[in-house]
Amino acid sequence: MNKTHNFQIIYEETLGAAAMNNRGFYYPVDLDFGAKGKIYCLNRAHEGDTSGVRVCVLDSDSNYYGVFGSNGYNEGQFIYATGIAVYDEIVYVSDEHLNKISLFDSSGEFIKRWGIPGSKEGQLNGPSAIKFDLNGNLYIVDHLNNRIQVFDKDGKYISGFGSYGTNPGQFNLPWGITIDSLGFIYVSDWRNDRVQKFTHEGGFVSLFGSSGNKNGQFNRPSSVAVDLEGDIYITDWGNHRVQVFDKNFNFIQSLRGESTLSPWAKEFLEANPDEMAARKSSDLDLDLDIEDQHMLSSHIEKLFWAPISVKIDKQGKIYVVDRNRHRIQVYSKKIFN
């Protein structure tokens, strides 16, 4: 932690557990929040093993409300689901293969889908993260077209900005997006290893980050979130961490993951004594003398392993989608006087 600042991010709990069907997650990629504390967690599953594709609905107390969606080309199905956003209790899901945005009601009933593949205005090529502004306009990261496009909630094209390149305001395979309380837009510029900030109209403001594994450097940043104080959270996917910055992009803290067993995982182990015995005989917190963060993350259970999305709820809690561990790690912000 940077001791010149008056807050620290503290681990709270873990949600979810690995499961290919029904209650649980299978390679989750994103989440968003609905009414009455519901959390919609989007599961992409694994290429070649697509039975786990679905949206799992739960809350922060680990109550389970069901699933909807499946793998396929039909209405209400996904091939490579990438992003999820909830607006006015309608759930929107992007699919980078189908180049579609699918809409569901809060109970998971399919409503409709829209999207046309291509590179012209209003067409999509590999849409990834999606985010609504306060006016109900949907911002879509048009990943393979290297731009951001804005639509109304019914799919009517409004505007867009960005192009391929490395100059300010240009992108190289952007992935994540958020909008802060003042209307500024932040985009995780994946292959350029940086985050860019724009006005609400898409005018370039600033950028920060470079390639590497030091503080303030990134290896394929995949998601960005901003809290009400303007502090910034970035999933540094390739470095298996979440980096925290203040509103002026000063580095504050690096989160490596501190996961404990979730209630769902505990229930599973209690019901399967052989699994419990195997777990107790295993060393899940190895003391490895290596610097390779991928090796550390893949061998030490509590650490993030390919964290892919970060979201902040209305109470200010920070939710990190820990993709390869099939879980969500939850953090809070502790402010010191």
Protein backbone atom coordinates (compact mmCIF):
# COMPACT_ATOMS: atom_id res chain seq x y z
CA MET A 1 0.00 0.00 0.00
CA ASN A 2 1.13 3.58 -0.71
CA LYS A 3 1.15 5.07 2.79
CA THR A 4 0.67 8.63 1.51
CA HIS A 5 -2.98 7.84 0.81
CA ASN A 6 -5.73 7.35 3.35
CA PHE A 7 -7.30 4.10 2.26
CA GLN A 8 -6.55 0.43 1.79
CA ILE A 9 -8.37 -2.32 -0.08
CA ILE A 10 -9.22 -5.24 2.23
CA TYR A 11 -10.28 -8.79 1.31
CA GLU A 12 -13.78 -9.68 2.53
CA GLU A 13 -15.01 -13.00 1.14
CA THR A 14 -15.29 -15.34 -1.84
CA LEU A 15 -18.42 -16.19 -3.81
CA GLY A 16 -19.12 -19.16 -6.06
CA ALA A 17 -17.47 -22.49 -6.75
CA ALA A 18 -16.50 -24.51 -9.79
CA ALA A 19 -19.45 -26.28 -11.40
CA MET A 20 -20.21 -26.98 -15.04
CA ASN A 21 -23.97 -26.84 -14.53
CA ASN A 22 -26.56 -25.15 -12.35
CA ARG A 23 -25.22 -23.56 -9.14
CA GLY A 24 -21.63 -22.50 -9.63
CA PHE A 25 -19.26 -20.92 -12.13
CA TYR A 26 -17.28 -22.29 -15.05
CA TYR A 27 -14.67 -19.89 -16.41
CA PRO A 28 -16.67 -16.76 -15.54
CA VAL A 29 -15.83 -13.61 -17.50
CA ASP A 30 -18.01 -10.79 -16.16
CA LEU A 31 -20.75 -9.80 -13.73
CA ASP A 32 -23.21 -7.03 -13.06
CA PHE A 33 -25.73 -6.10 -10.38
CA GLY A 34 -29.52 -6.11 -10.48
CA ALA A 35 -32.31 -5.20 -8.08
CA LYS A 36 -32.67 -6.66 -4.58
CA GLY A 37 -28.96 -7.46 -4.36
CA LYS A 38 -28.89 -9.92 -7.24
CA ILE A 39 -25.59 -10.59 -9.01
CA TYR A 40 -25.59 -11.86 -12.59
CA CYS A 41 -22.37 -13.79 -13.29
CA LEU A 42 -21.62 -14.58 -16.94
CA ASN A 43 -19.87 -17.91 -17.57
CA ARG A 44 -18.08 -18.33 -20.87
CA ALA A 45 -16.93 -21.90 -20.13
CA HIS A 46 -13.89 -23.38 -21.86
CA GLU A 47 -13.27 -23.78 -25.56
CA GLY A 48 -14.01 -27.35 -26.48
CA ASP A 49 -16.15 -27.88 -23.37
CA THR A 50 -19.10 -25.56 -23.65
CA SER A 51 -21.68 -27.18 -21.38
CA GLY A 52 -20.99 -24.59 -18.66
CA VAL A 53 -22.06 -21.56 -20.73
CA ARG A 54 -24.73 -19.71 -18.74
CA VAL A 55 -25.60 -16.78 -16.52
CA CYS A 56 -25.68 -17.75 -12.83
CA VAL A 57 -27.77 -15.56 -10.51
CA LEU A 58 -26.85 -15.19 -6.83
CA ASP A 59 -26.44 -12.53 -4.16
CA SER A 60 -23.66 -11.46 -1.83
CA ASP A 61 -24.97 -13.84 0.85
CA SER A 62 -24.47 -16.76 -1.56
CA ASN A 63 -28.19 -17.32 -2.04
CA TYR A 64 -28.76 -19.01 -5.40
CA TYR A 65 -31.58 -17.93 -7.76
CA GLY A 66 -30.99 -20.09 -10.82
CA VAL A 67 -29.35 -19.92 -14.25
CA PHE A 68 -30.30 -18.99 -17.79
CA GLY A 69 -28.73 -19.17 -21.22
CA SER A 70 -26.75 -22.00 -22.80
CA ASN A 71 -24.31 -22.73 -25.60
CA GLY A 72 -25.60 -22.52 -29.15
CA TYR A 73 -26.65 -20.33 -32.04
CA ASN A 74 -30.34 -20.05 -31.24
CA GLU A 75 -32.10 -17.19 -29.50
CA GLY A 76 -31.17 -17.06 -25.82
CA GLN A 77 -27.90 -18.91 -26.44
CA PHE A 78 -24.24 -17.86 -26.61
CA ILE A 79 -21.10 -19.06 -28.34
CA TYR A 80 -18.39 -16.84 -26.85
CA ALA A 81 -20.13 -14.65 -24.28
CA THR A 82 -17.98 -11.70 -23.22
CA GLY A 83 -19.81 -8.98 -21.30
CA ILE A 84 -22.92 -8.40 -19.21
CA ALA A 85 -24.78 -5.27 -18.12
CA VAL A 86 -28.10 -4.71 -16.35
CA TYR A 87 -30.30 -1.68 -17.04
CA ASP A 88 -33.87 -1.15 -15.87
CA GLU A 89 -33.92 -4.83 -14.85
CA ILE A 90 -33.11 -6.01 -18.36
CA VAL A 91 -29.97 -8.14 -18.67
CA TYR A 92 -27.80 -7.49 -21.74
CA VAL A 93 -25.14 -10.03 -22.83
CA SER A 94 -22.57 -9.52 -25.58
CA ASP A 95 -21.23 -12.36 -27.72
CA GLU A 96 -18.00 -11.81 -29.66
CA HIS A 97 -18.65 -14.74 -32.01
CA LEU A 98 -22.28 -14.07 -32.86
CA ASN A 99 -21.73 -10.27 -32.91
CA LYS A 100 -25.00 -9.95 -31.05
CA ILE A 101 -26.36 -8.35 -27.90
CA SER A 102 -28.97 -10.61 -26.26
CA LEU A 103 -31.62 -9.26 -23.88
CA PHE A 104 -33.28 -11.15 -21.02
CA ASP A 105 -35.71 -10.12 -18.32
CA SER A 106 -34.62 -10.35 -14.68
CA SER A 107 -35.92 -13.92 -14.41
CA GLY A 108 -33.86 -15.04 -17.40
CA GLU A 109 -36.57 -15.13 -20.06
CA PHE A 110 -35.20 -14.27 -23.48
CA ILE A 111 -36.59 -11.03 -24.96
CA LYS A 112 -34.70 -10.36 -28.19
CA ARG A 113 -31.25 -9.85 -29.65
CA TRP A 114 -29.71 -7.37 -32.04
CA GLY A 115 -26.44 -6.73 -33.83
CA ILE A 116 -25.07 -6.88 -37.37
CA PRO A 117 -21.53 -8.14 -38.11
CA GLY A 118 -19.21 -5.80 -39.97
CA SER A 119 -17.04 -2.71 -39.70
CA LYS A 120 -19.41 0.07 -40.74
CA GLU A 121 -21.09 2.41 -38.26
CA GLY A 122 -23.44 0.44 -36.05
CA GLN A 123 -21.95 -2.93 -37.03
CA LEU A 124 -19.98 -5.15 -34.65
CA ASN A 125 -16.87 -7.29 -34.87
CA GLY A 126 -16.12 -9.13 -31.65
CA PRO A 127 -17.98 -7.04 -29.04
CA SER A 128 -16.54 -7.51 -25.56
CA ALA A 129 -17.38 -5.40 -22.49
CA ILE A 130 -20.59 -3.36 -22.33
CA LYS A 131 -21.64 -0.53 -20.01
CA PHE A 132 -24.69 1.71 -19.63
CA ASP A 133 -24.46 5.41 -18.83
CA LEU A 134 -27.00 7.18 -16.62
CA ASN A 135 -29.08 8.10 -19.69
CA GLY A 136 -29.61 4.48 -20.70
CA ASN A 137 -27.16 4.50 -23.60
CA LEU A 138 -25.13 1.33 -24.08
CA TYR A 139 -21.38 1.65 -24.70
CA ILE A 140 -19.95 -1.40 -26.49
CA VAL A 141 -16.26 -2.20 -26.81
CA ASP A 142 -16.12 -3.19 -30.47
CA HIS A 143 -13.00 -5.28 -29.85
CA LEU A 144 -11.85 -6.30 -33.34
CA ASN A 145 -12.89 -2.98 -34.90
CA ASN A 146 -10.75 -1.16 -32.30
CA ARG A 147 -13.40 1.33 -31.33
CA ILE A 148 -16.19 2.16 -28.88
CA GLN A 149 -19.74 2.34 -30.21
CA VAL A 150 -22.77 3.82 -28.48
CA PHE A 151 -26.33 2.56 -28.96
CA ASP A 152 -29.62 3.25 -27.28
CA LYS A 153 -31.08 0.45 -25.19
CA ASP A 154 -33.03 -0.85 -28.19
CA GLY A 155 -29.96 -1.15 -30.43
CA LYS A 156 -30.18 2.08 -32.42
CA TYR A 157 -26.72 3.41 -33.27
CA ILE A 158 -25.87 6.81 -31.76
CA SER A 159 -22.13 7.45 -32.13
CA GLY A 160 -18.66 5.98 -31.88
CA PHE A 161 -15.01 6.83 -31.41
CA GLY A 162 -11.56 5.27 -31.73
CA SER A 163 -9.51 3.51 -34.39
CA TYR A 164 -6.59 1.09 -34.64
CA GLY A 165 -3.18 2.32 -33.51
CA THR A 166 -0.92 3.31 -30.64
CA ASN A 167 -1.50 7.07 -30.57
CA PRO A 168 -3.65 8.69 -27.88
CA GLY A 169 -7.29 7.90 -28.56
CA GLN A 170 -6.43 4.84 -30.65
CA PHE A 171 -6.80 1.20 -29.59
CA ASN A 172 -5.27 -2.20 -30.13
CA LEU A 173 -7.87 -4.82 -29.21
CA PRO A 174 -9.63 -2.93 -26.38
CA TRP A 175 -11.57 -5.11 -23.96
CA GLY A 176 -13.00 -3.43 -20.85
CA ILE A 177 -14.96 -0.23 -20.23
CA THR A 178 -16.50 1.75 -17.40
CA ILE A 179 -18.07 5.17 -16.86
CA ASP A 180 -17.45 7.13 -13.67
CA SER A 181 -19.90 9.26 -11.69
CA LEU A 182 -18.85 12.38 -13.66
CA GLY A 183 -19.47 10.71 -17.02
CA PHE A 184 -15.85 10.10 -17.99
CA ILE A 185 -15.21 6.89 -19.93
CA TYR A 186 -12.30 4.55 -19.17
CA VAL A 187 -11.20 1.85 -21.61
CA SER A 188 -8.72 -0.95 -20.94
CA ASP A 189 -6.61 -0.93 -24.12
CA TRP A 190 -5.65 -4.60 -23.99
CA ARG A 191 -2.82 -5.06 -26.44
CA ASN A 192 -1.44 -1.55 -25.91
CA ASP A 193 -1.10 -2.36 -22.18
CA ARG A 194 -2.68 0.87 -21.00
CA VAL A 195 -5.91 2.50 -19.87
CA GLN A 196 -7.36 5.52 -21.64
CA LYS A 197 -9.77 8.14 -20.32
CA PHE A 198 -12.30 9.99 -22.51
CA THR A 199 -15.03 12.57 -22.11
CA HIS A 200 -18.62 11.42 -22.24
CA GLU A 201 -18.64 12.41 -25.94
CA GLY A 202 -15.52 10.34 -26.68
CA GLY A 203 -12.90 13.09 -26.61
CA PHE A 204 -9.47 11.91 -25.50
CA VAL A 205 -8.45 13.11 -22.01
CA SER A 206 -5.44 11.08 -20.86
CA LEU A 207 -3.80 7.68 -20.73
CA PHE A 208 -1.54 5.79 -18.38
CA GLY A 209 0.33 2.49 -18.25
CA SER A 210 2.98 0.66 -20.24
CA SER A 211 4.03 -2.94 -20.84
CA GLY A 212 5.66 -4.81 -17.94
CA ASN A 213 5.10 -6.22 -14.48
CA LYS A 214 6.14 -3.34 -12.24
CA ASN A 215 3.71 -1.12 -10.39
CA GLY A 216 1.78 0.93 -12.93
CA GLN A 217 2.67 -1.42 -15.78
CA PHE A 218 0.33 -3.94 -17.37
CA ASN A 219 0.27 -7.24 -19.18
CA ARG A 220 -3.05 -7.21 -21.06
CA PRO A 221 -5.38 -5.15 -18.82
CA SER A 222 -8.86 -6.58 -19.24
CA SER A 223 -11.21 -4.48 -17.12
CA VAL A 224 -11.46 -1.18 -15.27
CA ALA A 225 -13.76 0.18 -12.55
CA VAL A 226 -13.92 3.56 -10.80
CA ASP A 227 -15.43 4.14 -7.35
CA LEU A 228 -17.34 7.20 -6.16
CA GLU A 229 -14.13 8.83 -4.90
CA GLY A 230 -12.59 8.50 -8.36
CA ASP A 231 -10.11 5.77 -7.41
CA ILE A 232 -9.41 3.30 -10.20
CA TYR A 233 -9.25 -0.53 -10.20
CA ILE A 234 -7.73 -2.44 -13.12
CA THR A 235 -7.58 -6.19 -13.67
CA ASP A 236 -4.03 -6.77 -14.88
CA TRP A 237 -4.96 -10.08 -16.49
CA GLY A 238 -1.54 -11.29 -17.67
CA ASN A 239 0.16 -10.32 -14.41
CA HIS A 240 -2.58 -12.06 -12.36
CA ARG A 241 -3.34 -9.08 -10.15
CA VAL A 242 -5.60 -6.07 -9.65
CA GLN A 243 -3.88 -2.69 -9.48
CA VAL A 244 -5.40 0.24 -7.61
CA PHE A 245 -4.75 3.89 -8.50
CA ASP A 246 -6.03 7.22 -7.27
CA LYS A 247 -7.95 9.57 -9.57
CA ASN A 248 -4.67 11.07 -10.78
CA PHE A 249 -3.35 7.62 -11.77
CA ASN A 250 -0.91 7.42 -8.87
CA PHE A 251 -0.29 3.80 -7.90
CA ILE A 252 -1.81 2.84 -4.53
CA GLN A 253 -1.90 -0.93 -4.12
CA SER A 254 -1.51 -4.26 -5.88
CA LEU A 255 -3.96 -7.05 -5.03
CA ARG A 256 -2.70 -10.58 -5.63
CA GLY A 257 -5.68 -12.45 -4.20
CA GLU A 258 -6.47 -13.72 -0.72
CA SER A 259 -9.33 -16.10 -1.34
CA THR A 260 -10.83 -18.33 1.31
CA LEU A 261 -13.41 -21.06 0.77
CA SER A 262 -16.81 -19.78 -0.30
CA PRO A 263 -20.03 -21.05 1.33
CA TRP A 264 -20.78 -23.08 -1.81
CA ALA A 265 -17.32 -24.68 -1.73
CA LYS A 266 -17.72 -25.51 1.97
CA GLU A 267 -21.10 -27.14 1.32
CA PHE A 268 -19.60 -29.25 -1.45
CA LEU A 269 -16.72 -30.45 0.72
CA GLU A 270 -19.01 -31.28 3.64
CA ALA A 271 -21.14 -33.41 1.31
CA ASN A 272 -18.07 -35.13 -0.20
CA PRO A 273 -15.78 -36.40 2.58
CA ASP A 274 -13.26 -37.92 0.14
CA GLU A 275 -12.76 -34.51 -1.44
CA MET A 276 -12.44 -32.97 2.01
CA ALA A 277 -9.79 -35.53 3.01
CA ALA A 278 -7.82 -34.95 -0.20
CA ARG A 279 -7.94 -31.22 0.38
CA LYS A 280 -6.68 -31.52 3.96
CA SER A 281 -3.74 -33.63 2.80
CA SER A 282 -2.74 -31.13 0.11
CA ASP A 283 -0.48 -28.12 0.46
CA LEU A 284 -2.61 -25.32 -0.99
CA ASP A 285 -0.37 -22.48 0.17
CA LEU A 286 2.99 -23.48 -1.24
CA ASP A 287 6.12 -21.48 -0.44
CA LEU A 288 7.55 -21.31 -3.95
CA ASP A 289 10.83 -19.52 -4.58
CA ILE A 290 9.94 -18.34 -8.08
CA GLU A 291 9.11 -14.98 -9.63
CA ASP A 292 6.88 -16.24 -12.44
CA GLN A 293 3.46 -14.92 -11.42
CA HIS A 294 1.65 -17.38 -13.68
CA MET A 295 3.34 -20.32 -11.96
CA LEU A 296 2.55 -18.87 -8.54
CA SER A 297 -1.09 -18.21 -9.39
CA SER A 298 -1.64 -21.66 -10.89
CA HIS A 299 -0.17 -23.41 -7.82
CA ILE A 300 -1.37 -21.30 -4.86
CA GLU A 301 -5.11 -21.50 -4.35
CA LYS A 302 -5.74 -18.14 -2.68
CA LEU A 303 -4.14 -16.08 -5.46
CA PHE A 304 -5.84 -14.60 -8.49
CA TRP A 305 -5.43 -16.70 -11.60
CA ALA A 306 -6.32 -14.67 -14.71
CA PRO A 307 -8.61 -12.07 -13.07
CA ILE A 308 -10.68 -10.77 -15.95
CA SER A 309 -13.31 -8.34 -14.66
CA VAL A 310 -13.79 -5.91 -11.78
CA LYS A 311 -17.07 -4.26 -10.76
CA ILE A 312 -18.15 -2.07 -7.83
CA ASP A 313 -21.62 -2.30 -6.28
CA LYS A 314 -23.70 0.53 -4.80
CA GLN A 315 -22.23 -0.14 -1.35
CA GLY A 316 -18.72 0.34 -2.69
CA LYS A 317 -17.66 -3.31 -2.49
CA ILE A 318 -15.23 -4.45 -5.17
CA TYR A 319 -15.96 -7.71 -7.00
CA VAL A 320 -13.16 -9.39 -8.96
CA VAL A 321 -14.03 -12.19 -11.38
CA ASP A 322 -11.26 -14.75 -10.83
CA ARG A 323 -11.67 -16.63 -14.10
CA ASN A 324 -9.42 -19.67 -13.86
CA ARG A 325 -10.43 -20.32 -10.23
CA HIS A 326 -14.16 -20.18 -11.06
CA ARG A 327 -14.99 -17.70 -8.31
CA ILE A 328 -15.48 -14.06 -7.34
CA GLN A 329 -13.23 -12.43 -4.74
CA VAL A 330 -14.87 -9.55 -2.87
CA TYR A 331 -13.00 -6.60 -1.32
CA SER A 332 -13.90 -3.44 0.57
CA LYS A 333 -12.30 -0.04 0.88
CA LYS A 334 -11.11 0.96 4.34
CA ILE A 335 -10.61 4.69 4.75
CA PHE A 336 -8.32 5.94 7.52
CA ASN A 337 -8.86 9.24 9.33
